[in-house]
Structures are given as C-alpha cells and as structure tokens.
Amino acid sequence: MPRTGRPKAELVLSDVERQALMSWSRRAKTGQALALRARIVLACAEGATNKDVAAALGVWPQTVNKWRARFVRDRLEGLSDEPRPGATRKITDEQVEAV
C-alpha cells in the first residue's frame, strides 16, 4: 500500500553535518533540547518516517516534522533556538568580557 499524506522533504546529510549531529547528540555538555533535535535529524536521515522517529524518541510527530523542515531549510544553524522576544540587553558584549 503506498504511503499517504504530504510528502516529506528529502533529508540528506553531508559527512561534516553527520559528525556534528552525532557529536551534539552524545556530548554531555550539549543542551538536551539541541541533543534531541540532533537525534531527530539523524533518525530522519536514516529514512525513518516522522511517526517512527516520534515513537522512538517520545515526541509528537509534529515536533519531528518541525525540526526536519527547519534542518532542510537552514541546515545546522536551524537547530539552535531562535531569539525570543523580550527586553533588550542592557549589558554589551564588551562589558560581559570585562567581567
């Protein structure tokens, strides 16, 4: 039976991207959100469906779809958190470095 639903974006990793994602997913100092996103992209690159990846990692299929699409669009940079709204910074980078 053919697959139904919207076709997913083809996800192909370069060797450098694969190494970076594997490093992020295993390193203890990586934030857990970034590590999860890296595991999602790695599983999608292996050819797993969004439902299969979601079930294996304990997330919603919509979450897998979001990170798959962001990776295809923005590559590795797309996996980091986007700036959030809020008050502007009161301390400059130079002041932070001085401390």
N, C-alpha and C. Protein backbone atom coordinates (compact mmCIF):
# COMPACT_ATOMS: atom_id res chain seq x y z
N MET A 1 0.85 -1.18 0.00
CA MET A 1 0.00 0.00 0.00
C MET A 1 0.89 1.24 0.00
N PRO A 2 0.67 2.17 -0.92
CA PRO A 2 1.51 3.37 -0.97
C PRO A 2 1.27 4.26 0.24
N ARG A 3 2.30 5.01 0.59
CA ARG A 3 2.18 5.94 1.72
C ARG A 3 1.25 7.08 1.34
N THR A 4 0.47 7.50 2.30
CA THR A 4 -0.44 8.62 2.06
C THR A 4 0.07 9.83 2.83
N GLY A 5 -0.54 10.95 2.58
CA GLY A 5 -0.16 12.16 3.29
C GLY A 5 0.79 13.01 2.48
N ARG A 6 1.15 14.11 3.09
CA ARG A 6 2.04 15.07 2.45
C ARG A 6 3.44 14.48 2.32
N PRO A 7 4.09 14.61 1.17
CA PRO A 7 5.46 14.09 1.05
C PRO A 7 6.42 14.88 1.93
N LYS A 8 7.35 14.19 2.54
CA LYS A 8 8.32 14.83 3.43
C LYS A 8 9.51 15.32 2.64
N ALA A 9 10.12 16.37 3.13
CA ALA A 9 11.31 16.91 2.48
C ALA A 9 12.44 15.89 2.57
N GLU A 10 13.15 15.71 1.47
CA GLU A 10 14.28 14.78 1.45
C GLU A 10 15.39 15.34 2.33
N LEU A 11 15.91 14.50 3.20
CA LEU A 11 16.93 14.95 4.14
C LEU A 11 18.21 14.15 3.88
N VAL A 12 19.21 14.82 3.34
CA VAL A 12 20.50 14.19 3.05
C VAL A 12 21.57 14.96 3.81
N LEU A 13 22.40 14.24 4.55
CA LEU A 13 23.44 14.87 5.36
C LEU A 13 24.80 14.76 4.69
N SER A 14 25.59 15.80 4.83
CA SER A 14 26.99 15.71 4.42
C SER A 14 27.75 15.03 5.56
N ASP A 15 28.98 14.61 5.30
CA ASP A 15 29.77 13.96 6.35
C ASP A 15 30.02 14.91 7.52
N VAL A 16 30.26 16.17 7.23
CA VAL A 16 30.51 17.16 8.28
C VAL A 16 29.26 17.35 9.14
N GLU A 17 28.09 17.45 8.49
CA GLU A 17 26.84 17.60 9.23
C GLU A 17 26.57 16.38 10.09
N ARG A 18 26.78 15.19 9.54
CA ARG A 18 26.54 13.97 10.30
C ARG A 18 27.44 13.92 11.54
N GLN A 19 28.71 14.28 11.38
CA GLN A 19 29.64 14.27 12.52
C GLN A 19 29.20 15.27 13.58
N ALA A 20 28.80 16.47 13.16
CA ALA A 20 28.35 17.49 14.11
C ALA A 20 27.11 17.03 14.86
N LEU A 21 26.15 16.47 14.15
CA LEU A 21 24.92 15.99 14.79
C LEU A 21 25.20 14.85 15.76
N MET A 22 26.07 13.93 15.37
CA MET A 22 26.41 12.83 16.26
C MET A 22 27.12 13.34 17.51
N SER A 23 27.98 14.31 17.34
CA SER A 23 28.68 14.91 18.48
C SER A 23 27.69 15.59 19.42
N TRP A 24 26.77 16.38 18.87
CA TRP A 24 25.78 17.06 19.69
C TRP A 24 24.89 16.08 20.43
N SER A 25 24.53 14.99 19.78
CA SER A 25 23.60 14.05 20.40
C SER A 25 24.25 13.24 21.52
N ARG A 26 25.59 13.16 21.55
CA ARG A 26 26.29 12.34 22.54
C ARG A 26 27.00 13.13 23.63
N ARG A 27 27.36 14.36 23.35
CA ARG A 27 28.17 15.14 24.29
C ARG A 27 27.35 15.55 25.50
N ALA A 28 27.92 15.40 26.67
CA ALA A 28 27.21 15.71 27.92
C ALA A 28 26.96 17.20 28.08
N LYS A 29 27.82 18.04 27.53
CA LYS A 29 27.67 19.49 27.70
C LYS A 29 26.65 20.11 26.76
N THR A 30 26.18 19.36 25.78
CA THR A 30 25.18 19.88 24.85
C THR A 30 23.85 20.00 25.59
N GLY A 31 23.13 21.10 25.35
CA GLY A 31 21.80 21.23 25.92
C GLY A 31 20.90 20.10 25.45
N GLN A 32 20.03 19.64 26.31
CA GLN A 32 19.20 18.48 25.97
C GLN A 32 18.25 18.76 24.81
N ALA A 33 17.80 19.99 24.67
CA ALA A 33 16.92 20.31 23.54
C ALA A 33 17.67 20.16 22.22
N LEU A 34 18.90 20.66 22.17
CA LEU A 34 19.71 20.55 20.95
C LEU A 34 20.07 19.09 20.68
N ALA A 35 20.37 18.33 21.72
CA ALA A 35 20.69 16.91 21.55
C ALA A 35 19.50 16.15 20.97
N LEU A 36 18.29 16.46 21.45
CA LEU A 36 17.09 15.81 20.93
C LEU A 36 16.88 16.17 19.46
N ARG A 37 17.07 17.43 19.12
CA ARG A 37 16.91 17.86 17.73
C ARG A 37 17.91 17.14 16.83
N ALA A 38 19.13 16.97 17.32
CA ALA A 38 20.15 16.26 16.55
C ALA A 38 19.75 14.81 16.34
N ARG A 39 19.21 14.16 17.38
CA ARG A 39 18.76 12.76 17.24
C ARG A 39 17.59 12.66 16.26
N ILE A 40 16.70 13.64 16.28
CA ILE A 40 15.57 13.65 15.34
C ILE A 40 16.09 13.71 13.90
N VAL A 41 17.00 14.63 13.63
CA VAL A 41 17.52 14.79 12.27
C VAL A 41 18.29 13.55 11.83
N LEU A 42 19.09 12.98 12.72
CA LEU A 42 19.84 11.76 12.37
C LEU A 42 18.90 10.62 12.02
N ALA A 43 17.83 10.46 12.80
CA ALA A 43 16.87 9.38 12.52
C ALA A 43 16.15 9.63 11.20
N CYS A 44 15.79 10.87 10.93
CA CYS A 44 15.13 11.20 9.66
C CYS A 44 16.06 10.93 8.48
N ALA A 45 17.34 11.21 8.66
CA ALA A 45 18.31 10.99 7.58
C ALA A 45 18.48 9.51 7.27
N GLU A 46 18.20 8.66 8.24
CA GLU A 46 18.27 7.21 8.02
C GLU A 46 17.06 6.70 7.25
N GLY A 47 16.07 7.57 7.02
CA GLY A 47 14.92 7.18 6.23
C GLY A 47 13.68 6.84 7.03
N ALA A 48 13.73 7.03 8.34
CA ALA A 48 12.57 6.73 9.18
C ALA A 48 11.46 7.76 8.94
N THR A 49 10.22 7.33 9.13
CA THR A 49 9.09 8.24 8.99
C THR A 49 8.99 9.11 10.24
N ASN A 50 8.24 10.20 10.12
CA ASN A 50 8.04 11.08 11.27
C ASN A 50 7.40 10.33 12.43
N LYS A 51 6.43 9.47 12.13
CA LYS A 51 5.76 8.71 13.18
C LYS A 51 6.72 7.76 13.88
N ASP A 52 7.57 7.09 13.11
CA ASP A 52 8.53 6.16 13.70
C ASP A 52 9.54 6.90 14.58
N VAL A 53 10.04 8.02 14.09
CA VAL A 53 11.00 8.80 14.86
C VAL A 53 10.34 9.32 16.14
N ALA A 54 9.12 9.82 16.01
CA ALA A 54 8.40 10.35 17.18
C ALA A 54 8.20 9.26 18.23
N ALA A 55 7.79 8.08 17.80
CA ALA A 55 7.57 6.98 18.74
C ALA A 55 8.88 6.57 19.42
N ALA A 56 9.96 6.52 18.66
CA ALA A 56 11.24 6.09 19.21
C ALA A 56 11.81 7.10 20.21
N LEU A 57 11.57 8.38 19.96
CA LEU A 57 12.16 9.42 20.81
C LEU A 57 11.19 10.01 21.82
N GLY A 58 9.94 9.58 21.78
CA GLY A 58 8.96 10.05 22.76
C GLY A 58 8.52 11.49 22.55
N VAL A 59 8.40 11.90 21.30
CA VAL A 59 7.92 13.25 20.98
C VAL A 59 6.74 13.14 20.03
N TRP A 60 6.08 14.24 19.76
CA TRP A 60 4.97 14.26 18.82
C TRP A 60 5.48 14.25 17.38
N PRO A 61 4.73 13.66 16.46
CA PRO A 61 5.13 13.70 15.04
C PRO A 61 5.27 15.12 14.50
N GLN A 62 4.47 16.05 15.02
CA GLN A 62 4.56 17.45 14.59
C GLN A 62 5.93 18.04 14.97
N THR A 63 6.46 17.60 16.11
CA THR A 63 7.78 18.06 16.54
C THR A 63 8.85 17.58 15.56
N VAL A 64 8.75 16.32 15.16
CA VAL A 64 9.70 15.76 14.20
C VAL A 64 9.59 16.52 12.88
N ASN A 65 8.36 16.77 12.43
CA ASN A 65 8.15 17.50 11.18
C ASN A 65 8.77 18.89 11.24
N LYS A 66 8.59 19.58 12.37
CA LYS A 66 9.13 20.93 12.53
C LYS A 66 10.65 20.93 12.39
N TRP A 67 11.33 20.02 13.07
CA TRP A 67 12.80 20.03 13.05
C TRP A 67 13.35 19.48 11.75
N ARG A 68 12.64 18.56 11.13
CA ARG A 68 13.05 18.09 9.80
C ARG A 68 13.00 19.26 8.81
N ALA A 69 11.89 19.99 8.81
CA ALA A 69 11.73 21.11 7.88
C ALA A 69 12.74 22.22 8.16
N ARG A 70 12.98 22.53 9.44
CA ARG A 70 13.95 23.58 9.77
C ARG A 70 15.35 23.18 9.36
N PHE A 71 15.69 21.89 9.52
CA PHE A 71 17.02 21.45 9.11
C PHE A 71 17.17 21.53 7.60
N VAL A 72 16.17 21.09 6.86
CA VAL A 72 16.24 21.15 5.40
C VAL A 72 16.38 22.60 4.94
N ARG A 73 15.68 23.51 5.60
CA ARG A 73 15.72 24.92 5.20
C ARG A 73 17.01 25.62 5.64
N ASP A 74 17.43 25.41 6.90
CA ASP A 74 18.53 26.20 7.48
C ASP A 74 19.77 25.39 7.84
N ARG A 75 19.73 24.09 7.60
CA ARG A 75 20.84 23.17 7.92
C ARG A 75 21.17 23.23 9.42
N LEU A 76 22.42 23.13 9.81
CA LEU A 76 22.78 23.03 11.23
C LEU A 76 22.36 24.27 12.03
N GLU A 77 22.45 25.44 11.42
CA GLU A 77 22.07 26.67 12.12
C GLU A 77 20.60 26.67 12.52
N GLY A 78 19.77 25.95 11.78
CA GLY A 78 18.34 25.92 12.06
C GLY A 78 17.97 25.16 13.32
N LEU A 79 18.90 24.38 13.86
CA LEU A 79 18.60 23.59 15.05
C LEU A 79 18.77 24.37 16.35
N SER A 80 19.46 25.52 16.31
CA SER A 80 19.59 26.30 17.53
C SER A 80 18.32 27.09 17.77
N ASP A 81 18.15 27.50 19.02
CA ASP A 81 16.97 28.28 19.37
C ASP A 81 16.99 29.62 18.67
N GLU A 82 15.83 30.04 18.21
CA GLU A 82 15.71 31.36 17.61
C GLU A 82 15.60 32.39 18.73
N PRO A 83 16.01 33.63 18.48
CA PRO A 83 15.89 34.66 19.52
C PRO A 83 14.44 34.82 19.96
N ARG A 84 14.26 34.98 21.23
CA ARG A 84 12.91 35.14 21.77
C ARG A 84 12.65 36.62 22.05
N PRO A 85 11.38 37.00 22.01
CA PRO A 85 11.06 38.39 22.29
C PRO A 85 11.30 38.69 23.77
N GLY A 86 11.55 39.93 24.05
CA GLY A 86 11.75 40.33 25.43
C GLY A 86 12.48 41.66 25.48
N ALA A 87 12.86 42.02 26.67
CA ALA A 87 13.57 43.29 26.85
C ALA A 87 14.93 43.22 26.16
N THR A 88 15.37 44.36 25.67
CA THR A 88 16.68 44.41 25.03
C THR A 88 17.77 44.28 26.09
N ARG A 89 18.94 43.84 25.66
CA ARG A 89 20.06 43.68 26.59
C ARG A 89 20.51 45.03 27.11
N LYS A 90 20.85 45.07 28.39
CA LYS A 90 21.35 46.30 28.99
C LYS A 90 22.87 46.26 29.12
N ILE A 91 23.46 45.09 28.94
CA ILE A 91 24.91 44.92 29.05
C ILE A 91 25.45 44.55 27.68
N THR A 92 26.49 45.23 27.25
CA THR A 92 27.08 44.93 25.94
C THR A 92 28.02 43.74 26.05
N ASP A 93 28.40 43.20 24.90
CA ASP A 93 29.35 42.08 24.87
C ASP A 93 30.69 42.49 25.48
N GLU A 94 31.10 43.73 25.26
CA GLU A 94 32.36 44.20 25.81
C GLU A 94 32.31 44.22 27.34
N GLN A 95 31.18 44.63 27.91
CA GLN A 95 31.04 44.65 29.36
C GLN A 95 31.06 43.23 29.93
N VAL A 96 30.46 42.29 29.21
CA VAL A 96 30.46 40.90 29.66
C VAL A 96 31.88 40.37 29.66
N GLU A 97 32.65 40.67 28.61
CA GLU A 97 34.03 40.20 28.53
C GLU A 97 34.89 40.81 29.62
N ALA A 98 34.61 42.05 30.01
CA ALA A 98 35.39 42.71 31.05
C ALA A 98 35.20 42.04 32.41
N VAL A 99 34.04 41.47 32.63
CA VAL A 99 33.77 40.79 33.90
C VAL A 99 34.43 39.46 33.86
